[in-house]
Amino acid sequence: MEIEAVLSKHKHPVVAFSGGKDSTVVLDLVRKIDSHIPAVFCDTGVEAKSTYEYMDRVDNKVVLKPRKTFWECVDEYGMPQLKGKGSTRVNHCCEWLKDKPMKEFIKKEGIDLVFTGLTSAESRQRMMFLKHYGSYMFVKSWNVWKCHPISNWIPDQVWKYIRDNKLDYNNGYDNGMVRCGCQPCTAYCSWKKRMANENPKLLAYVLQRGFNQDQLKIEG
């Protein structure tokens, strides 16, 4: 569905903005139609320095702060696990640092539409999710409509759009950053390799805190 057509159905839209390349493109696409739509950033407290620097340059944004820190979540629930593992499909840190603040904001401000940078190329799980639900859907558990305008884009298309439109972006990508998000995250297969490349001190800290090594034994 076209962004303009989706916007015509709603009164209080926002863009969920992580500071990553995908949400950067979505924010630009949406603001080309309505420049007043705010970007909403959930500050987990453990983002990369480049993400915070980039966020300082983004205008018309709302920054949501969680009621627990990442490390408080780790102390209570353990390190994040691969999606679908364990008793829940959503890690407690994601729930506390992102989902809860966003749901509260949506309810308080009467938000009726959230644009995201979700893409099928990110993982098989997301590909199956988008294939099943489509790029525009009502999410009952959030009581809000969500739209994923670039769900079928591949990374090359995203970067081409950024270059062609001369967009400002998170310069962490220029320094080897592979994905934007919580730096200490261990909920994907290559976390150890990525952390070793991007922040060796953080990797050493994660490993030396004495967490369950079976939980951290992920290939990469």
N, C-alpha and C. Protein backbone atom coordinates (compact mmCIF):
# COMPACT_ATOMS: atom_id res chain seq x y z
N MET A 1 0.84 -1.20 0.00
CA MET A 1 0.00 0.00 0.00
C MET A 1 0.88 1.25 0.00
N GLU A 2 0.51 2.25 -0.77
CA GLU A 2 1.27 3.49 -0.84
C GLU A 2 1.23 4.23 0.49
N ILE A 3 2.34 4.88 0.83
CA ILE A 3 2.42 5.63 2.09
C ILE A 3 1.33 6.69 2.16
N GLU A 4 1.13 7.41 1.07
CA GLU A 4 0.12 8.48 1.05
C GLU A 4 -1.27 7.92 1.31
N ALA A 5 -1.59 6.75 0.74
CA ALA A 5 -2.89 6.13 0.94
C ALA A 5 -3.07 5.70 2.40
N VAL A 6 -2.00 5.18 2.99
CA VAL A 6 -2.07 4.78 4.40
C VAL A 6 -2.28 5.99 5.29
N LEU A 7 -1.53 7.05 5.02
CA LEU A 7 -1.65 8.26 5.84
C LEU A 7 -3.05 8.85 5.79
N SER A 8 -3.72 8.70 4.66
CA SER A 8 -5.07 9.26 4.51
C SER A 8 -6.08 8.60 5.43
N LYS A 9 -5.73 7.44 5.98
CA LYS A 9 -6.64 6.70 6.84
C LYS A 9 -6.42 7.00 8.33
N HIS A 10 -5.39 7.79 8.65
CA HIS A 10 -5.03 7.99 10.05
C HIS A 10 -4.82 9.46 10.40
N LYS A 11 -4.97 9.75 11.70
CA LYS A 11 -4.85 11.12 12.17
C LYS A 11 -3.59 11.37 12.98
N HIS A 12 -3.04 10.34 13.64
CA HIS A 12 -1.91 10.55 14.53
C HIS A 12 -0.81 9.53 14.26
N PRO A 13 -0.09 9.69 13.14
CA PRO A 13 0.98 8.74 12.80
C PRO A 13 2.33 9.15 13.38
N VAL A 14 3.20 8.16 13.56
CA VAL A 14 4.59 8.39 13.95
C VAL A 14 5.47 7.41 13.19
N VAL A 15 6.77 7.68 13.20
CA VAL A 15 7.74 6.75 12.64
C VAL A 15 8.57 6.19 13.79
N ALA A 16 8.59 4.87 13.91
CA ALA A 16 9.47 4.22 14.90
C ALA A 16 10.89 4.31 14.35
N PHE A 17 11.74 5.03 15.07
CA PHE A 17 13.06 5.38 14.53
C PHE A 17 14.17 4.84 15.42
N SER A 18 14.99 3.94 14.87
CA SER A 18 16.06 3.32 15.64
C SER A 18 17.41 4.01 15.45
N GLY A 19 17.51 4.84 14.40
CA GLY A 19 18.80 5.41 14.04
C GLY A 19 19.55 4.56 13.04
N GLY A 20 18.94 3.46 12.62
CA GLY A 20 19.55 2.59 11.62
C GLY A 20 19.20 3.01 10.20
N LYS A 21 19.82 2.36 9.23
CA LYS A 21 19.66 2.75 7.83
C LYS A 21 18.22 2.59 7.35
N ASP A 22 17.53 1.53 7.78
CA ASP A 22 16.18 1.27 7.28
C ASP A 22 15.19 2.31 7.79
N SER A 23 15.24 2.61 9.08
CA SER A 23 14.31 3.61 9.59
C SER A 23 14.66 5.01 9.10
N THR A 24 15.93 5.23 8.74
CA THR A 24 16.33 6.51 8.14
C THR A 24 15.62 6.71 6.80
N VAL A 25 15.57 5.66 6.00
CA VAL A 25 14.88 5.73 4.71
C VAL A 25 13.38 5.91 4.90
N VAL A 26 12.79 5.16 5.81
CA VAL A 26 11.35 5.27 6.05
C VAL A 26 10.98 6.66 6.53
N LEU A 27 11.79 7.22 7.43
CA LEU A 27 11.51 8.57 7.92
C LEU A 27 11.51 9.57 6.77
N ASP A 28 12.45 9.45 5.86
CA ASP A 28 12.52 10.36 4.72
C ASP A 28 11.33 10.16 3.79
N LEU A 29 10.97 8.92 3.51
CA LEU A 29 9.83 8.63 2.63
C LEU A 29 8.54 9.21 3.19
N VAL A 30 8.35 9.03 4.50
CA VAL A 30 7.12 9.51 5.14
C VAL A 30 7.10 11.04 5.20
N ARG A 31 8.25 11.63 5.54
CA ARG A 31 8.28 13.10 5.67
C ARG A 31 8.25 13.83 4.33
N LYS A 32 8.49 13.12 3.25
CA LYS A 32 8.30 13.73 1.93
C LYS A 32 6.82 13.99 1.67
N ILE A 33 5.98 13.26 2.36
CA ILE A 33 4.53 13.44 2.23
C ILE A 33 4.00 14.35 3.33
N ASP A 34 4.50 14.18 4.54
CA ASP A 34 4.10 15.03 5.67
C ASP A 34 5.32 15.27 6.55
N SER A 35 5.90 16.44 6.45
CA SER A 35 7.14 16.76 7.15
C SER A 35 6.97 16.90 8.66
N HIS A 36 5.73 16.92 9.13
CA HIS A 36 5.48 17.15 10.56
C HIS A 36 5.39 15.86 11.38
N ILE A 37 5.47 14.72 10.74
CA ILE A 37 5.33 13.46 11.46
C ILE A 37 6.57 13.21 12.32
N PRO A 38 6.38 12.97 13.61
CA PRO A 38 7.54 12.81 14.51
C PRO A 38 8.21 11.44 14.40
N ALA A 39 9.49 11.43 14.72
CA ALA A 39 10.25 10.19 14.85
C ALA A 39 10.29 9.83 16.33
N VAL A 40 10.04 8.57 16.65
CA VAL A 40 10.02 8.13 18.05
C VAL A 40 11.17 7.16 18.27
N PHE A 41 12.06 7.52 19.17
CA PHE A 41 13.26 6.74 19.46
C PHE A 41 13.19 6.19 20.87
N CYS A 42 13.27 4.87 21.00
CA CYS A 42 13.33 4.23 22.32
C CYS A 42 14.79 4.14 22.74
N ASP A 43 15.17 4.93 23.69
CA ASP A 43 16.57 4.98 24.14
C ASP A 43 16.83 3.86 25.13
N THR A 44 17.47 2.81 24.67
CA THR A 44 17.75 1.65 25.53
C THR A 44 18.88 1.91 26.51
N GLY A 45 19.66 2.97 26.26
CA GLY A 45 20.79 3.29 27.12
C GLY A 45 22.06 2.56 26.75
N VAL A 46 21.97 1.63 25.79
CA VAL A 46 23.15 0.85 25.39
C VAL A 46 23.32 0.87 23.86
N GLU A 47 22.93 1.97 23.25
CA GLU A 47 23.14 2.12 21.81
C GLU A 47 24.58 2.54 21.55
N ALA A 48 25.00 2.43 20.30
CA ALA A 48 26.35 2.85 19.91
C ALA A 48 26.47 4.37 20.01
N LYS A 49 27.69 4.83 20.26
CA LYS A 49 27.94 6.27 20.34
C LYS A 49 27.49 6.98 19.07
N SER A 50 27.74 6.35 17.92
CA SER A 50 27.37 6.97 16.65
C SER A 50 25.86 7.12 16.52
N THR A 51 25.10 6.22 17.14
CA THR A 51 23.64 6.31 17.09
C THR A 51 23.16 7.53 17.87
N TYR A 52 23.74 7.75 19.05
CA TYR A 52 23.36 8.92 19.83
C TYR A 52 23.78 10.21 19.11
N GLU A 53 24.94 10.20 18.47
CA GLU A 53 25.39 11.38 17.73
C GLU A 53 24.45 11.67 16.57
N TYR A 54 24.05 10.62 15.88
CA TYR A 54 23.11 10.79 14.77
C TYR A 54 21.76 11.28 15.28
N MET A 55 21.30 10.70 16.38
CA MET A 55 20.00 11.09 16.93
C MET A 55 19.97 12.57 17.29
N ASP A 56 21.10 13.12 17.72
CA ASP A 56 21.16 14.55 18.03
C ASP A 56 20.89 15.41 16.81
N ARG A 57 21.15 14.85 15.61
CA ARG A 57 20.97 15.61 14.38
C ARG A 57 19.57 15.46 13.78
N VAL A 58 18.77 14.58 14.34
CA VAL A 58 17.42 14.33 13.82
C VAL A 58 16.43 15.30 14.47
N ASP A 59 15.66 15.99 13.65
CA ASP A 59 14.70 16.96 14.20
C ASP A 59 13.33 16.31 14.43
N ASN A 60 12.50 17.02 15.16
CA ASN A 60 11.12 16.59 15.44
C ASN A 60 11.08 15.13 15.90
N LYS A 61 11.73 14.89 17.01
CA LYS A 61 11.78 13.52 17.53
C LYS A 61 11.27 13.47 18.97
N VAL A 62 10.81 12.30 19.34
CA VAL A 62 10.40 12.01 20.71
C VAL A 62 11.31 10.90 21.22
N VAL A 63 11.94 11.12 22.37
CA VAL A 63 12.84 10.12 22.95
C VAL A 63 12.16 9.50 24.16
N LEU A 64 11.96 8.19 24.10
CA LEU A 64 11.31 7.48 25.20
C LEU A 64 12.36 6.80 26.07
N LYS A 65 12.21 6.94 27.38
CA LYS A 65 13.15 6.36 28.33
C LYS A 65 12.48 5.19 29.06
N PRO A 66 13.16 4.06 29.18
CA PRO A 66 12.58 2.91 29.88
C PRO A 66 12.66 3.05 31.39
N ARG A 67 11.90 2.19 32.08
CA ARG A 67 11.91 2.22 33.54
C ARG A 67 12.93 1.24 34.12
N LYS A 68 13.53 0.41 33.27
CA LYS A 68 14.62 -0.47 33.68
C LYS A 68 15.77 -0.29 32.71
N THR A 69 16.98 -0.51 33.18
CA THR A 69 18.14 -0.46 32.30
C THR A 69 18.36 -1.84 31.68
N PHE A 70 19.18 -1.88 30.64
CA PHE A 70 19.52 -3.15 30.02
C PHE A 70 20.13 -4.11 31.04
N TRP A 71 21.08 -3.60 31.83
CA TRP A 71 21.79 -4.46 32.77
C TRP A 71 20.91 -4.90 33.93
N GLU A 72 19.93 -4.11 34.30
CA GLU A 72 18.96 -4.55 35.30
C GLU A 72 18.13 -5.71 34.75
N CYS A 73 17.79 -5.63 33.46
CA CYS A 73 17.06 -6.73 32.82
C CYS A 73 17.92 -7.99 32.79
N VAL A 74 19.22 -7.82 32.50
CA VAL A 74 20.13 -8.96 32.46
C VAL A 74 20.24 -9.60 33.84
N ASP A 75 20.37 -8.79 34.86
CA ASP A 75 20.49 -9.33 36.22
C ASP A 75 19.24 -10.11 36.61
N GLU A 76 18.09 -9.66 36.12
CA GLU A 76 16.83 -10.30 36.51
C GLU A 76 16.47 -11.49 35.63
N TYR A 77 16.74 -11.37 34.31
CA TYR A 77 16.26 -12.38 33.36
C TYR A 77 17.36 -13.12 32.61
N GLY A 78 18.60 -12.66 32.71
CA GLY A 78 19.68 -13.25 31.94
C GLY A 78 19.87 -12.52 30.61
N MET A 79 20.93 -12.90 29.89
CA MET A 79 21.22 -12.27 28.62
C MET A 79 20.14 -12.62 27.58
N PRO A 80 19.95 -11.74 26.60
CA PRO A 80 18.96 -12.01 25.54
C PRO A 80 19.29 -13.30 24.79
N GLN A 81 18.25 -14.03 24.41
CA GLN A 81 18.41 -15.28 23.68
C GLN A 81 17.85 -15.14 22.26
N LEU A 82 18.23 -16.09 21.41
CA LEU A 82 17.70 -16.11 20.05
C LEU A 82 16.18 -16.09 20.10
N LYS A 83 15.56 -15.34 19.18
CA LYS A 83 14.10 -15.27 19.14
C LYS A 83 13.51 -16.66 18.99
N GLY A 84 12.46 -16.91 19.77
CA GLY A 84 11.80 -18.20 19.69
C GLY A 84 12.35 -19.21 20.67
N LYS A 85 13.48 -18.89 21.32
CA LYS A 85 14.06 -19.80 22.30
C LYS A 85 13.47 -19.53 23.69
N GLY A 86 13.43 -20.53 24.50
CA GLY A 86 12.94 -20.34 25.86
C GLY A 86 11.43 -20.25 25.93
N SER A 87 10.93 -19.65 27.00
CA SER A 87 9.49 -19.63 27.25
C SER A 87 8.78 -18.45 26.61
N THR A 88 9.51 -17.53 26.02
CA THR A 88 8.89 -16.37 25.42
C THR A 88 9.50 -16.07 24.07
N ARG A 89 8.71 -15.52 23.19
CA ARG A 89 9.20 -15.17 21.86
C ARG A 89 9.83 -13.78 21.84
N VAL A 90 9.65 -13.02 22.93
CA VAL A 90 10.21 -11.68 23.03
C VAL A 90 11.10 -11.63 24.26
N ASN A 91 12.34 -11.18 24.10
CA ASN A 91 13.24 -11.07 25.24
C ASN A 91 12.74 -10.01 26.20
N HIS A 92 12.97 -10.25 27.49
CA HIS A 92 12.50 -9.30 28.50
C HIS A 92 13.13 -7.92 28.32
N CYS A 93 14.38 -7.88 27.85
CA CYS A 93 15.01 -6.56 27.66
C CYS A 93 14.29 -5.78 26.56
N CYS A 94 13.92 -6.45 25.46
CA CYS A 94 13.16 -5.78 24.40
C CYS A 94 11.82 -5.29 24.93
N GLU A 95 11.21 -6.12 25.76
CA GLU A 95 9.91 -5.77 26.33
C GLU A 95 10.01 -4.52 27.19
N TRP A 96 11.03 -4.49 28.08
CA TRP A 96 11.16 -3.37 29.00
C TRP A 96 11.74 -2.11 28.36
N LEU A 97 12.69 -2.28 27.45
CA LEU A 97 13.41 -1.13 26.90
C LEU A 97 12.72 -0.53 25.68
N LYS A 98 11.92 -1.33 24.96
CA LYS A 98 11.32 -0.84 23.73
C LYS A 98 9.79 -0.96 23.73
N ASP A 99 9.30 -2.18 23.94
CA ASP A 99 7.86 -2.41 23.79
C ASP A 99 7.02 -1.64 24.80
N LYS A 100 7.37 -1.75 26.08
CA LYS A 100 6.57 -1.08 27.11
C LYS A 100 6.55 0.44 26.94
N PRO A 101 7.72 1.09 26.75
CA PRO A 101 7.69 2.54 26.57
C PRO A 101 6.88 2.96 25.33
N MET A 102 7.00 2.19 24.23
CA MET A 102 6.29 2.54 23.01
C MET A 102 4.78 2.34 23.17
N LYS A 103 4.39 1.24 23.80
CA LYS A 103 2.96 0.99 24.01
C LYS A 103 2.34 2.07 24.90
N GLU A 104 3.07 2.47 25.93
CA GLU A 104 2.57 3.52 26.82
C GLU A 104 2.43 4.84 26.09
N PHE A 105 3.42 5.13 25.23
CA PHE A 105 3.38 6.36 24.45
C PHE A 105 2.20 6.34 23.47
N ILE A 106 1.99 5.22 22.80
CA ILE A 106 0.88 5.08 21.85
C ILE A 106 -0.46 5.32 22.53
N LYS A 107 -0.62 4.71 23.70
CA LYS A 107 -1.88 4.86 24.43
C LYS A 107 -2.07 6.29 24.93
N LYS A 108 -1.03 6.85 25.51
CA LYS A 108 -1.13 8.20 26.08
C LYS A 108 -1.39 9.26 25.03
N GLU A 109 -0.72 9.15 23.87
CA GLU A 109 -0.81 10.18 22.84
C GLU A 109 -1.87 9.89 21.77
N GLY A 110 -2.53 8.76 21.87
CA GLY A 110 -3.57 8.43 20.90
C GLY A 110 -3.02 8.15 19.51
N ILE A 111 -1.85 7.56 19.44
CA ILE A 111 -1.23 7.25 18.15
C ILE A 111 -2.04 6.14 17.47
N ASP A 112 -2.33 6.32 16.18
CA ASP A 112 -3.12 5.30 15.49
C ASP A 112 -2.38 4.63 14.33
N LEU A 113 -1.13 5.05 14.08
CA LEU A 113 -0.34 4.44 13.01
C LEU A 113 1.15 4.57 13.33
N VAL A 114 1.86 3.47 13.19
CA VAL A 114 3.32 3.47 13.40
C VAL A 114 3.99 2.92 12.14
N PHE A 115 4.83 3.75 11.53
CA PHE A 115 5.66 3.30 10.41
C PHE A 115 6.93 2.68 10.97
N THR A 116 7.40 1.60 10.36
CA THR A 116 8.65 0.97 10.81
C THR A 116 9.56 0.71 9.61
N GLY A 117 10.81 0.38 9.92
CA GLY A 117 11.77 0.03 8.89
C GLY A 117 11.96 -1.47 8.75
N LEU A 118 10.98 -2.24 9.17
CA LEU A 118 11.06 -3.69 9.10
C LEU A 118 11.23 -4.16 7.65
N THR A 119 12.17 -5.09 7.43
CA THR A 119 12.37 -5.65 6.09
C THR A 119 12.48 -7.16 6.14
N SER A 120 12.07 -7.79 5.06
CA SER A 120 12.16 -9.26 4.95
C SER A 120 13.60 -9.73 4.92
N ALA A 121 14.51 -8.86 4.45
CA ALA A 121 15.91 -9.24 4.29
C ALA A 121 16.64 -9.41 5.62
N GLU A 122 16.05 -8.93 6.72
CA GLU A 122 16.73 -8.98 8.01
C GLU A 122 16.88 -10.39 8.56
N SER A 123 15.87 -11.21 8.36
CA SER A 123 15.92 -12.58 8.89
C SER A 123 14.79 -13.39 8.28
N ARG A 124 14.93 -14.71 8.36
CA ARG A 124 13.86 -15.59 7.86
C ARG A 124 12.59 -15.39 8.68
N GLN A 125 12.75 -15.17 9.97
CA GLN A 125 11.59 -14.97 10.84
C GLN A 125 10.78 -13.75 10.39
N ARG A 126 11.49 -12.66 10.07
CA ARG A 126 10.78 -11.45 9.63
C ARG A 126 10.19 -11.64 8.24
N MET A 127 10.90 -12.39 7.39
CA MET A 127 10.37 -12.66 6.07
C MET A 127 9.04 -13.42 6.16
N MET A 128 8.99 -14.44 7.02
CA MET A 128 7.76 -15.21 7.19
C MET A 128 6.65 -14.37 7.81
N PHE A 129 7.03 -13.53 8.76
CA PHE A 129 6.06 -12.65 9.41
C PHE A 129 5.42 -11.72 8.39
N LEU A 130 6.24 -11.06 7.58
CA LEU A 130 5.72 -10.10 6.60
C LEU A 130 4.95 -10.80 5.49
N LYS A 131 5.38 -11.99 5.13
CA LYS A 131 4.67 -12.75 4.10
C LYS A 131 3.27 -13.11 4.58
N HIS A 132 3.16 -13.41 5.86
CA HIS A 132 1.87 -13.82 6.43
C HIS A 132 0.94 -12.63 6.67
N TYR A 133 1.49 -11.54 7.24
CA TYR A 133 0.64 -10.43 7.66
C TYR A 133 0.61 -9.26 6.67
N GLY A 134 1.59 -9.20 5.79
CA GLY A 134 1.64 -8.08 4.86
C GLY A 134 2.33 -6.87 5.45
N SER A 135 2.38 -5.79 4.67
CA SER A 135 3.12 -4.59 5.08
C SER A 135 2.25 -3.54 5.77
N TYR A 136 0.95 -3.82 5.91
CA TYR A 136 0.05 -2.87 6.57
C TYR A 136 -0.95 -3.70 7.35
N MET A 137 -0.96 -3.55 8.67
CA MET A 137 -1.77 -4.43 9.50
C MET A 137 -2.18 -3.76 10.80
N PHE A 138 -3.28 -4.25 11.37
CA PHE A 138 -3.67 -3.82 12.71
C PHE A 138 -3.10 -4.81 13.71
N VAL A 139 -2.35 -4.30 14.70
CA VAL A 139 -1.73 -5.15 15.71
C VAL A 139 -2.58 -5.04 16.98
N LYS A 140 -3.35 -6.08 17.24
CA LYS A 140 -4.32 -6.05 18.33
C LYS A 140 -3.65 -5.85 19.68
N SER A 141 -2.51 -6.52 19.91
CA SER A 141 -1.85 -6.43 21.21
C SER A 141 -1.29 -5.03 21.48
N TRP A 142 -1.10 -4.26 20.42
CA TRP A 142 -0.61 -2.88 20.57
C TRP A 142 -1.75 -1.87 20.39
N ASN A 143 -2.88 -2.34 19.88
CA ASN A 143 -4.02 -1.47 19.58
C ASN A 143 -3.62 -0.32 18.65
N VAL A 144 -2.90 -0.67 17.60
CA VAL A 144 -2.43 0.34 16.66
C VAL A 144 -2.20 -0.32 15.30
N TRP A 145 -2.32 0.48 14.24
CA TRP A 145 -1.96 0.02 12.91
C TRP A 145 -0.46 0.21 12.70
N LYS A 146 0.16 -0.75 11.99
CA LYS A 146 1.57 -0.63 11.65
C LYS A 146 1.74 -0.75 10.14
N CYS A 147 2.69 0.01 9.63
CA CYS A 147 2.99 -0.01 8.20
C CYS A 147 4.49 -0.16 7.99
N HIS A 148 4.88 -1.08 7.11
CA HIS A 148 6.29 -1.37 6.84
C HIS A 148 6.57 -1.06 5.36
N PRO A 149 6.82 0.20 5.03
CA PRO A 149 6.88 0.62 3.62
C PRO A 149 7.99 0.00 2.79
N ILE A 150 9.10 -0.41 3.44
CA ILE A 150 10.22 -0.96 2.66
C ILE A 150 10.42 -2.45 2.97
N SER A 151 9.33 -3.12 3.28
CA SER A 151 9.42 -4.52 3.69
C SER A 151 10.08 -5.41 2.64
N ASN A 152 9.96 -5.05 1.38
CA ASN A 152 10.53 -5.88 0.31
C ASN A 152 11.87 -5.37 -0.21
N TRP A 153 12.42 -4.35 0.41
CA TRP A 153 13.70 -3.81 -0.04
C TRP A 153 14.85 -4.68 0.46
N ILE A 154 15.92 -4.71 -0.33
CA ILE A 154 17.16 -5.35 0.11
C ILE A 154 18.14 -4.25 0.50
N PRO A 155 19.20 -4.59 1.25
CA PRO A 155 20.14 -3.55 1.72
C PRO A 155 20.70 -2.66 0.60
N ASP A 156 20.99 -3.21 -0.56
CA ASP A 156 21.51 -2.39 -1.66
C ASP A 156 20.53 -1.30 -2.06
N GLN A 157 19.24 -1.60 -2.05
CA GLN A 157 18.23 -0.60 -2.37
C GLN A 157 18.20 0.50 -1.32
N VAL A 158 18.34 0.09 -0.06
CA VAL A 158 18.34 1.05 1.05
C VAL A 158 19.50 2.02 0.90
N TRP A 159 20.71 1.49 0.67
CA TRP A 159 21.89 2.34 0.54
C TRP A 159 21.82 3.21 -0.72
N LYS A 160 21.26 2.68 -1.79
CA LYS A 160 21.12 3.47 -3.01
C LYS A 160 20.20 4.66 -2.76
N TYR A 161 19.12 4.43 -2.03
CA TYR A 161 18.20 5.52 -1.71
C TYR A 161 18.90 6.58 -0.86
N ILE A 162 19.66 6.14 0.12
CA ILE A 162 20.38 7.09 0.98
C ILE A 162 21.36 7.92 0.16
N ARG A 163 22.10 7.26 -0.74
CA ARG A 163 23.07 7.99 -1.58
C ARG A 163 22.37 8.91 -2.57
N ASP A 164 21.36 8.41 -3.25
CA ASP A 164 20.67 9.20 -4.28
C ASP A 164 20.01 10.43 -3.69
N ASN A 165 19.53 10.31 -2.45
CA ASN A 165 18.83 11.43 -1.81
C ASN A 165 19.72 12.21 -0.86
N LYS A 166 21.01 11.83 -0.84
CA LYS A 166 22.00 12.54 -0.02
C LYS A 166 21.53 12.70 1.43
N LEU A 167 21.06 11.60 2.00
CA LEU A 167 20.56 11.64 3.37
C LEU A 167 21.69 11.56 4.38
N ASP A 168 21.53 12.27 5.46
CA ASP A 168 22.39 12.08 6.62
C ASP A 168 22.06 10.70 7.19
N TYR A 169 23.04 10.03 7.77
CA TYR A 169 22.79 8.71 8.32
C TYR A 169 23.79 8.41 9.44
N ASN A 170 23.58 7.34 10.11
CA ASN A 170 24.41 6.89 11.23
C ASN A 170 25.79 6.51 10.69
N ASN A 171 26.83 7.29 11.03
CA ASN A 171 28.15 7.01 10.45
C ASN A 171 28.86 5.82 11.09
N GLY A 172 28.17 5.15 12.02
CA GLY A 172 28.71 3.91 12.54
C GLY A 172 28.87 2.87 11.43
N TYR A 173 28.01 2.96 10.42
CA TYR A 173 28.10 2.03 9.29
C TYR A 173 29.42 2.21 8.54
N ASP A 174 29.94 3.43 8.53
CA ASP A 174 31.21 3.69 7.84
C ASP A 174 32.39 3.12 8.62
N ASN A 175 32.16 2.81 9.88
CA ASN A 175 33.23 2.29 10.75
C ASN A 175 33.03 0.82 11.08
N GLY A 176 32.29 0.12 10.24
CA GLY A 176 32.15 -1.32 10.40
C GLY A 176 30.90 -1.81 11.11
N MET A 177 30.03 -0.90 11.52
CA MET A 177 28.80 -1.33 12.19
C MET A 177 27.93 -2.11 11.21
N VAL A 178 27.45 -3.27 11.65
CA VAL A 178 26.64 -4.13 10.79
C VAL A 178 25.15 -3.89 11.02
N ARG A 179 24.77 -3.74 12.27
CA ARG A 179 23.36 -3.53 12.59
C ARG A 179 23.25 -2.51 13.71
N CYS A 180 22.17 -1.76 13.68
CA CYS A 180 21.93 -0.74 14.69
C CYS A 180 21.06 -1.33 15.79
N GLY A 181 21.37 -1.01 17.03
CA GLY A 181 20.57 -1.52 18.13
C GLY A 181 21.41 -1.64 19.39
N CYS A 182 20.89 -2.37 20.36
CA CYS A 182 21.59 -2.53 21.63
C CYS A 182 22.95 -3.19 21.41
N GLN A 183 24.01 -2.53 21.80
CA GLN A 183 25.34 -3.08 21.58
C GLN A 183 25.59 -4.41 22.30
N PRO A 184 25.09 -4.61 23.53
CA PRO A 184 25.39 -5.88 24.21
C PRO A 184 24.43 -7.02 23.83
N CYS A 185 23.61 -6.84 22.81
CA CYS A 185 22.60 -7.84 22.47
C CYS A 185 23.25 -9.18 22.07
N THR A 186 22.72 -10.27 22.61
CA THR A 186 23.20 -11.61 22.28
C THR A 186 22.08 -12.47 21.69
N ALA A 187 21.09 -11.81 21.09
CA ALA A 187 19.91 -12.51 20.60
C ALA A 187 19.96 -12.82 19.10
N TYR A 188 21.14 -12.95 18.56
CA TYR A 188 21.29 -13.33 17.15
C TYR A 188 22.59 -14.12 17.01
N CYS A 189 22.67 -14.92 15.96
CA CYS A 189 23.74 -15.92 15.87
C CYS A 189 25.15 -15.33 15.84
N SER A 190 25.33 -14.20 15.18
CA SER A 190 26.69 -13.67 15.00
C SER A 190 27.07 -12.60 16.02
N TRP A 191 26.39 -12.58 17.18
CA TRP A 191 26.61 -11.51 18.14
C TRP A 191 28.06 -11.42 18.61
N LYS A 192 28.68 -12.59 18.85
CA LYS A 192 30.03 -12.58 19.39
C LYS A 192 31.03 -12.01 18.39
N LYS A 193 30.88 -12.40 17.13
CA LYS A 193 31.77 -11.90 16.08
C LYS A 193 31.59 -10.40 15.89
N ARG A 194 30.34 -9.97 15.88
CA ARG A 194 30.07 -8.55 15.70
C ARG A 194 30.62 -7.73 16.86
N MET A 195 30.40 -8.20 18.08
CA MET A 195 30.85 -7.48 19.26
C MET A 195 32.38 -7.41 19.30
N ALA A 196 33.03 -8.50 18.87
CA ALA A 196 34.50 -8.52 18.85
C ALA A 196 35.04 -7.49 17.87
N ASN A 197 34.35 -7.30 16.75
CA ASN A 197 34.80 -6.35 15.74
C ASN A 197 34.49 -4.90 16.12
N GLU A 198 33.32 -4.70 16.71
CA GLU A 198 32.87 -3.34 16.96
C GLU A 198 33.24 -2.82 18.35
N ASN A 199 33.28 -3.71 19.33
CA ASN A 199 33.53 -3.25 20.70
C ASN A 199 34.11 -4.39 21.54
N PRO A 200 35.41 -4.69 21.35
CA PRO A 200 36.05 -5.81 22.07
C PRO A 200 35.94 -5.68 23.59
N LYS A 201 36.01 -4.46 24.10
CA LYS A 201 35.91 -4.26 25.55
C LYS A 201 34.53 -4.68 26.06
N LEU A 202 33.51 -4.38 25.27
CA LEU A 202 32.16 -4.78 25.66
C LEU A 202 32.03 -6.30 25.65
N LEU A 203 32.59 -6.95 24.64
CA LEU A 203 32.55 -8.41 24.59
C LEU A 203 33.21 -9.01 25.82
N ALA A 204 34.37 -8.48 26.19
CA ALA A 204 35.07 -8.98 27.38
C ALA A 204 34.22 -8.78 28.62
N TYR A 205 33.52 -7.65 28.70
CA TYR A 205 32.68 -7.36 29.86
C TYR A 205 31.51 -8.34 29.92
N VAL A 206 30.87 -8.58 28.78
CA VAL A 206 29.74 -9.51 28.73
C VAL A 206 30.17 -10.89 29.18
N LEU A 207 31.33 -11.34 28.70
CA LEU A 207 31.79 -12.68 29.03
C LEU A 207 32.28 -12.81 30.47
N GLN A 208 32.87 -11.75 31.00
CA GLN A 208 33.44 -11.84 32.35
C GLN A 208 32.42 -11.61 33.46
N ARG A 209 31.23 -11.21 33.13
CA ARG A 209 30.23 -10.97 34.18
C ARG A 209 29.72 -12.26 34.79
N GLY A 210 30.14 -13.40 34.19
CA GLY A 210 29.80 -14.67 34.80
C GLY A 210 28.43 -15.19 34.44
N PHE A 211 27.91 -14.77 33.26
CA PHE A 211 26.62 -15.28 32.83
C PHE A 211 26.73 -16.75 32.47
N ASN A 212 25.60 -17.41 32.41
CA ASN A 212 25.53 -18.81 32.03
C ASN A 212 26.18 -19.00 30.67
N GLN A 213 27.30 -19.72 30.61
CA GLN A 213 28.03 -19.87 29.36
C GLN A 213 27.25 -20.68 28.33
N ASP A 214 26.35 -21.57 28.78
CA ASP A 214 25.52 -22.28 27.81
C ASP A 214 24.62 -21.31 27.06
N GLN A 215 24.19 -20.28 27.77
CA GLN A 215 23.34 -19.27 27.15
C GLN A 215 24.13 -18.46 26.14
N LEU A 216 25.42 -18.25 26.40
CA LEU A 216 26.24 -17.44 25.53
C LEU A 216 26.96 -18.24 24.46
N LYS A 217 26.80 -19.55 24.47
CA LYS A 217 27.50 -20.40 23.52
C LYS A 217 26.74 -20.44 22.20
N ILE A 218 26.93 -19.42 21.41
CA ILE A 218 26.28 -19.28 20.12
C ILE A 218 27.33 -19.17 19.06
N GLU A 219 27.18 -19.86 17.96
CA GLU A 219 28.20 -19.84 16.92
C GLU A 219 28.38 -18.43 16.39
N GLY A 220 29.59 -18.11 16.02
CA GLY A 220 29.91 -16.78 15.51
C GLY A 220 31.27 -16.40 15.97
